[in-house]
Amino acid sequence: AKFRRDRNTYWTGIKAHNAVVTSAV
């Protein structure tokens, strides 16, 4: 109802590394 059905740009980011995060699961 608030956002486009086919597009999600509403993310949460977690900064806990000092290098490229190569994998997250």
PDB file of all heavy atoms in Angstrom:
ATOM      1  N   ALA A   1       0.826  -1.206   0.000  1.00  0.00           N
ATOM      2  CA  ALA A   1       0.000   0.000   0.000  1.00  0.00           C
ATOM      3  C   ALA A   1       0.864   1.262   0.000  1.00  0.00           C
ATOM      4  O   ALA A   1       0.481   2.289  -0.543  1.00  0.00           O
ATOM      5  CB  ALA A   1      -0.922   0.000   1.220  1.00  0.00           C
ATOM      6  N   LYS A   2       2.063   1.172   0.613  1.00  0.00           N
ATOM      7  CA  LYS A   2       2.934   2.339   0.710  1.00  0.00           C
ATOM      8  C   LYS A   2       4.006   2.362  -0.377  1.00  0.00           C
ATOM      9  O   LYS A   2       4.414   3.417  -0.825  1.00  0.00           O
ATOM     10  CB  LYS A   2       3.618   2.351   2.082  1.00  0.00           C
ATOM     11  CG  LYS A   2       2.675   2.529   3.257  1.00  0.00           C
ATOM     12  CD  LYS A   2       3.456   2.553   4.557  1.00  0.00           C
ATOM     13  CE  LYS A   2       2.539   2.732   5.767  1.00  0.00           C
ATOM     14  NZ  LYS A   2       3.302   2.732   7.036  1.00  0.00           N
ATOM     15  N   PHE A   3       4.468   1.179  -0.783  1.00  0.00           N
ATOM     16  CA  PHE A   3       5.620   1.103  -1.674  1.00  0.00           C
ATOM     17  C   PHE A   3       5.264   0.337  -2.942  1.00  0.00           C
ATOM     18  O   PHE A   3       4.278  -0.381  -3.010  1.00  0.00           O
ATOM     19  CB  PHE A   3       6.789   0.413  -0.967  1.00  0.00           C
ATOM     20  CG  PHE A   3       7.085   0.954   0.394  1.00  0.00           C
ATOM     21  CD1 PHE A   3       7.180   0.110   1.489  1.00  0.00           C
ATOM     22  CD2 PHE A   3       7.265   2.318   0.598  1.00  0.00           C
ATOM     23  CE1 PHE A   3       7.458   0.607   2.751  1.00  0.00           C
ATOM     24  CE2 PHE A   3       7.545   2.817   1.850  1.00  0.00           C
ATOM     25  CZ  PHE A   3       7.636   1.967   2.931  1.00  0.00           C
ATOM     26  N   ARG A   4       6.105   0.502  -3.939  1.00  0.00           N
ATOM     27  CA  ARG A   4       5.925  -0.233  -5.185  1.00  0.00           C
ATOM     28  C   ARG A   4       6.031  -1.736  -4.946  1.00  0.00           C
ATOM     29  O   ARG A   4       6.895  -2.204  -4.222  1.00  0.00           O
ATOM     30  CB  ARG A   4       6.976   0.192  -6.207  1.00  0.00           C
ATOM     31  CG  ARG A   4       6.743   1.549  -6.796  1.00  0.00           C
ATOM     32  CD  ARG A   4       7.804   1.862  -7.839  1.00  0.00           C
ATOM     33  NE  ARG A   4       7.970   0.785  -8.802  1.00  0.00           N
ATOM     34  CZ  ARG A   4       8.555   0.953  -9.981  1.00  0.00           C
ATOM     35  NH1 ARG A   4       9.009   2.143 -10.323  1.00  0.00           N
ATOM     36  NH2 ARG A   4       8.687  -0.052 -10.805  1.00  0.00           N
ATOM     37  N   ARG A   5       5.165  -2.470  -5.590  1.00  0.00           N
ATOM     38  CA  ARG A   5       5.114  -3.917  -5.391  1.00  0.00           C
ATOM     39  C   ARG A   5       6.378  -4.605  -5.914  1.00  0.00           C
ATOM     40  O   ARG A   5       6.854  -5.575  -5.328  1.00  0.00           O
ATOM     41  CB  ARG A   5       3.889  -4.489  -6.099  1.00  0.00           C
ATOM     42  CG  ARG A   5       3.732  -5.992  -5.982  1.00  0.00           C
ATOM     43  CD  ARG A   5       2.514  -6.468  -6.742  1.00  0.00           C
ATOM     44  NE  ARG A   5       1.301  -5.903  -6.187  1.00  0.00           N
ATOM     45  CZ  ARG A   5       0.594  -6.476  -5.220  1.00  0.00           C
ATOM     46  NH1 ARG A   5       0.991  -7.626  -4.709  1.00  0.00           N
ATOM     47  NH2 ARG A   5      -0.503  -5.907  -4.765  1.00  0.00           N
ATOM     48  N   ASP A   6       6.923  -4.104  -7.015  1.00  0.00           N
ATOM     49  CA  ASP A   6       8.011  -4.807  -7.691  1.00  0.00           C
ATOM     50  C   ASP A   6       9.393  -4.235  -7.380  1.00  0.00           C
ATOM     51  O   ASP A   6      10.371  -4.577  -8.024  1.00  0.00           O
ATOM     52  CB  ASP A   6       7.793  -4.792  -9.204  1.00  0.00           C
ATOM     53  CG  ASP A   6       7.798  -3.369  -9.761  1.00  0.00           C
ATOM     54  OD1 ASP A   6       7.674  -2.414  -8.960  1.00  0.00           O
ATOM     55  OD2 ASP A   6       7.927  -3.214 -10.989  1.00  0.00           O
ATOM     56  N   ARG A   7       9.477  -3.356  -6.385  1.00  0.00           N
ATOM     57  CA  ARG A   7      10.760  -2.734  -6.084  1.00  0.00           C
ATOM     58  C   ARG A   7      10.890  -2.490  -4.589  1.00  0.00           C
ATOM     59  O   ARG A   7       9.992  -1.931  -3.965  1.00  0.00           O
ATOM     60  CB  ARG A   7      10.880  -1.416  -6.845  1.00  0.00           C
ATOM     61  CG  ARG A   7      12.193  -0.695  -6.647  1.00  0.00           C
ATOM     62  CD  ARG A   7      12.194   0.586  -7.458  1.00  0.00           C
ATOM     63  NE  ARG A   7      13.381   1.387  -7.212  1.00  0.00           N
ATOM     64  CZ  ARG A   7      13.579   2.601  -7.684  1.00  0.00           C
ATOM     65  NH1 ARG A   7      12.652   3.164  -8.437  1.00  0.00           N
ATOM     66  NH2 ARG A   7      14.673   3.273  -7.426  1.00  0.00           N
ATOM     67  N   ASN A   8      11.999  -2.929  -4.008  1.00  0.00           N
ATOM     68  CA  ASN A   8      12.226  -2.743  -2.578  1.00  0.00           C
ATOM     69  C   ASN A   8      13.591  -2.101  -2.364  1.00  0.00           C
ATOM     70  O   ASN A   8      14.629  -2.743  -2.499  1.00  0.00           O
ATOM     71  CB  ASN A   8      12.162  -4.096  -1.852  1.00  0.00           C
ATOM     72  CG  ASN A   8      12.190  -3.932  -0.345  1.00  0.00           C
ATOM     73  OD1 ASN A   8      12.594  -2.909   0.175  1.00  0.00           O
ATOM     74  ND2 ASN A   8      11.761  -4.963   0.365  1.00  0.00           N
ATOM     75  N   THR A   9      13.577  -0.818  -2.053  1.00  0.00           N
ATOM     76  CA  THR A   9      14.813  -0.086  -1.776  1.00  0.00           C
ATOM     77  C   THR A   9      14.930   0.235  -0.284  1.00  0.00           C
ATOM     78  O   THR A   9      15.725   1.093   0.105  1.00  0.00           O
ATOM     79  CB  THR A   9      14.857   1.219  -2.575  1.00  0.00           C
ATOM     80  OG1 THR A   9      13.727   2.023  -2.228  1.00  0.00           O
ATOM     81  CG2 THR A   9      14.832   0.945  -4.072  1.00  0.00           C
ATOM     82  N   TYR A  10      14.160  -0.457   0.538  1.00  0.00           N
ATOM     83  CA  TYR A  10      14.096  -0.152   1.972  1.00  0.00           C
ATOM     84  C   TYR A  10      14.824  -1.235   2.750  1.00  0.00           C
ATOM     85  O   TYR A  10      14.265  -2.261   3.096  1.00  0.00           O
ATOM     86  CB  TYR A  10      12.635   0.003   2.401  1.00  0.00           C
ATOM     87  CG  TYR A  10      11.902   0.928   1.476  1.00  0.00           C
ATOM     88  CD1 TYR A  10      10.854   0.481   0.677  1.00  0.00           C
ATOM     89  CD2 TYR A  10      12.305   2.250   1.349  1.00  0.00           C
ATOM     90  CE1 TYR A  10      10.215   1.331  -0.203  1.00  0.00           C
ATOM     91  CE2 TYR A  10      11.677   3.115   0.469  1.00  0.00           C
ATOM     92  CZ  TYR A  10      10.628   2.649  -0.308  1.00  0.00           C
ATOM     93  OH  TYR A  10      10.008   3.496  -1.183  1.00  0.00           O
ATOM     94  N   TRP A  11      16.098  -0.963   2.994  1.00  0.00           N
ATOM     95  CA  TRP A  11      16.998  -1.950   3.556  1.00  0.00           C
ATOM     96  C   TRP A  11      17.466  -1.534   4.942  1.00  0.00           C
ATOM     97  O   TRP A  11      17.321  -0.391   5.373  1.00  0.00           O
ATOM     98  CB  TRP A  11      18.222  -2.113   2.653  1.00  0.00           C
ATOM     99  CG  TRP A  11      18.757  -0.821   2.101  1.00  0.00           C
ATOM    100  CD1 TRP A  11      18.509  -0.290   0.875  1.00  0.00           C
ATOM    101  CD2 TRP A  11      19.586   0.129   2.786  1.00  0.00           C
ATOM    102  NE1 TRP A  11      19.160   0.920   0.738  1.00  0.00           N
ATOM    103  CE2 TRP A  11      19.830   1.199   1.886  1.00  0.00           C
ATOM    104  CE3 TRP A  11      20.172   0.163   4.049  1.00  0.00           C
ATOM    105  CZ2 TRP A  11      20.619   2.296   2.233  1.00  0.00           C
ATOM    106  CZ3 TRP A  11      20.955   1.257   4.405  1.00  0.00           C
ATOM    107  CH2 TRP A  11      21.167   2.300   3.493  1.00  0.00           C
ATOM    108  N   THR A  12      18.055  -2.491   5.630  1.00  0.00           N
ATOM    109  CA  THR A  12      18.792  -2.236   6.867  1.00  0.00           C
ATOM    110  C   THR A  12      20.235  -2.660   6.639  1.00  0.00           C
ATOM    111  O   THR A  12      20.487  -3.752   6.133  1.00  0.00           O
ATOM    112  CB  THR A  12      18.212  -3.031   8.047  1.00  0.00           C
ATOM    113  OG1 THR A  12      16.859  -2.634   8.269  1.00  0.00           O
ATOM    114  CG2 THR A  12      19.019  -2.792   9.315  1.00  0.00           C
ATOM    115  N   GLY A  13      21.188  -1.799   6.976  1.00  0.00           N
ATOM    116  CA  GLY A  13      22.598  -2.111   6.830  1.00  0.00           C
ATOM    117  C   GLY A  13      23.265  -2.240   8.182  1.00  0.00           C
ATOM    118  O   GLY A  13      22.997  -1.459   9.096  1.00  0.00           O
ATOM    119  N   ILE A  14      24.128  -3.226   8.327  1.00  0.00           N
ATOM    120  CA  ILE A  14      24.854  -3.463   9.576  1.00  0.00           C
ATOM    121  C   ILE A  14      26.341  -3.307   9.297  1.00  0.00           C
ATOM    122  O   ILE A  14      26.898  -4.022   8.460  1.00  0.00           O
ATOM    123  CB  ILE A  14      24.568  -4.870  10.135  1.00  0.00           C
ATOM    124  CG1 ILE A  14      23.068  -5.051  10.384  1.00  0.00           C
ATOM    125  CG2 ILE A  14      25.356  -5.114  11.417  1.00  0.00           C
ATOM    126  CD1 ILE A  14      22.676  -6.481  10.689  1.00  0.00           C
ATOM    127  N   LYS A  15      26.985  -2.374   9.971  1.00  0.00           N
ATOM    128  CA  LYS A  15      28.419  -2.145   9.795  1.00  0.00           C
ATOM    129  C   LYS A  15      29.167  -2.756  10.973  1.00  0.00           C
ATOM    130  O   LYS A  15      29.158  -2.237  12.073  1.00  0.00           O
ATOM    131  CB  LYS A  15      28.699  -0.647   9.709  1.00  0.00           C
ATOM    132  CG  LYS A  15      30.192  -0.296   9.620  1.00  0.00           C
ATOM    133  CD  LYS A  15      30.789  -0.723   8.286  1.00  0.00           C
ATOM    134  CE  LYS A  15      32.157  -0.075   8.076  1.00  0.00           C
ATOM    135  NZ  LYS A  15      33.176  -0.552   9.026  1.00  0.00           N
ATOM    136  N   ALA A  16      29.817  -3.892  10.713  1.00  0.00           N
ATOM    137  CA  ALA A  16      30.569  -4.555  11.775  1.00  0.00           C
ATOM    138  C   ALA A  16      31.918  -5.062  11.283  1.00  0.00           C
ATOM    139  O   ALA A  16      32.674  -5.627  12.052  1.00  0.00           O
ATOM    140  CB  ALA A  16      29.764  -5.723  12.351  1.00  0.00           C
ATOM    141  N   HIS A  17      32.211  -4.868   9.993  1.00  0.00           N
ATOM    142  CA  HIS A  17      33.473  -5.313   9.415  1.00  0.00           C
ATOM    143  C   HIS A  17      34.270  -4.113   8.915  1.00  0.00           C
ATOM    144  O   HIS A  17      33.715  -3.043   8.652  1.00  0.00           O
ATOM    145  CB  HIS A  17      33.218  -6.278   8.250  1.00  0.00           C
ATOM    146  CG  HIS A  17      32.704  -7.611   8.667  1.00  0.00           C
ATOM    147  ND1 HIS A  17      33.514  -8.690   8.934  1.00  0.00           N
ATOM    148  CD2 HIS A  17      31.424  -8.051   8.855  1.00  0.00           C
ATOM    149  CE1 HIS A  17      32.773  -9.734   9.268  1.00  0.00           C
ATOM    150  NE2 HIS A  17      31.503  -9.377   9.232  1.00  0.00           N
ATOM    151  N   ASN A  18      35.571  -4.321   8.765  1.00  0.00           N
ATOM    152  CA  ASN A  18      36.454  -3.290   8.208  1.00  0.00           C
ATOM    153  C   ASN A  18      36.992  -3.700   6.845  1.00  0.00           C
ATOM    154  O   ASN A  18      38.036  -3.205   6.410  1.00  0.00           O
ATOM    155  CB  ASN A  18      37.607  -3.021   9.172  1.00  0.00           C
ATOM    156  CG  ASN A  18      37.144  -2.420  10.482  1.00  0.00           C
ATOM    157  OD1 ASN A  18      36.308  -1.523  10.493  1.00  0.00           O
ATOM    158  ND2 ASN A  18      37.657  -2.924  11.587  1.00  0.00           N
ATOM    159  N   ALA A  19      36.304  -4.599   6.182  1.00  0.00           N
ATOM    160  CA  ALA A  19      36.694  -5.059   4.847  1.00  0.00           C
ATOM    161  C   ALA A  19      35.424  -5.454   4.100  1.00  0.00           C
ATOM    162  O   ALA A  19      34.325  -5.494   4.676  1.00  0.00           O
ATOM    163  CB  ALA A  19      37.663  -6.238   4.946  1.00  0.00           C
ATOM    164  N   VAL A  20      35.562  -5.742   2.815  1.00  0.00           N
ATOM    165  CA  VAL A  20      34.430  -6.193   2.008  1.00  0.00           C
ATOM    166  C   VAL A  20      33.774  -7.404   2.669  1.00  0.00           C
ATOM    167  O   VAL A  20      34.457  -8.354   3.042  1.00  0.00           O
ATOM    168  CB  VAL A  20      34.900  -6.570   0.589  1.00  0.00           C
ATOM    169  CG1 VAL A  20      33.779  -7.219  -0.202  1.00  0.00           C
ATOM    170  CG2 VAL A  20      35.423  -5.344  -0.136  1.00  0.00           C
ATOM    171  N   VAL A  21      32.461  -7.355   2.845  1.00  0.00           N
ATOM    172  CA  VAL A  21      31.732  -8.504   3.402  1.00  0.00           C
ATOM    173  C   VAL A  21      31.446  -9.462   2.249  1.00  0.00           C
ATOM    174  O   VAL A  21      30.546  -9.245   1.441  1.00  0.00           O
ATOM    175  CB  VAL A  21      30.430  -8.072   4.100  1.00  0.00           C
ATOM    176  CG1 VAL A  21      29.717  -9.291   4.699  1.00  0.00           C
ATOM    177  CG2 VAL A  21      30.735  -7.054   5.198  1.00  0.00           C
ATOM    178  N   THR A  22      32.237 -10.508   2.159  1.00  0.00           N
ATOM    179  CA  THR A  22      32.185 -11.428   1.022  1.00  0.00           C
ATOM    180  C   THR A  22      31.053 -12.431   1.116  1.00  0.00           C
ATOM    181  O   THR A  22      30.618 -12.985   0.103  1.00  0.00           O
ATOM    182  CB  THR A  22      33.509 -12.182   0.903  1.00  0.00           C
ATOM    183  OG1 THR A  22      33.821 -12.786   2.178  1.00  0.00           O
ATOM    184  CG2 THR A  22      34.637 -11.233   0.512  1.00  0.00           C
ATOM    185  N   SER A  23      30.552 -12.683   2.332  1.00  0.00           N
ATOM    186  CA  SER A  23      29.474 -13.655   2.506  1.00  0.00           C
ATOM    187  C   SER A  23      28.689 -13.332   3.771  1.00  0.00           C
ATOM    188  O   SER A  23      29.263 -12.919   4.776  1.00  0.00           O
ATOM    189  CB  SER A  23      30.052 -15.080   2.597  1.00  0.00           C
ATOM    190  OG  SER A  23      29.036 -16.045   2.740  1.00  0.00           O
ATOM    191  N   ALA A  24      27.377 -13.515   3.701  1.00  0.00           N
ATOM    192  CA  ALA A  24      26.513 -13.329   4.867  1.00  0.00           C
ATOM    193  C   ALA A  24      25.325 -14.274   4.735  1.00  0.00           C
ATOM    194  O   ALA A  24      24.705 -14.342   3.666  1.00  0.00           O
ATOM    195  CB  ALA A  24      26.036 -11.882   4.981  1.00  0.00           C
ATOM    196  N   VAL A  25      25.022 -15.006   5.803  1.00  0.00           N
ATOM    197  CA  VAL A  25      23.944 -15.998   5.773  1.00  0.00           C
ATOM    198  C   VAL A  25      23.180 -15.989   7.081  1.00  0.00           C
ATOM    199  O   VAL A  25      23.701 -15.568   8.118  1.00  0.00           O
ATOM    200  CB  VAL A  25      24.490 -17.426   5.514  1.00  0.00           C
ATOM    201  CG1 VAL A  25      25.112 -17.538   4.137  1.00  0.00           C
ATOM    202  CG2 VAL A  25      25.480 -17.842   6.600  1.00  0.00           C
TER     203      VAL A  25
END
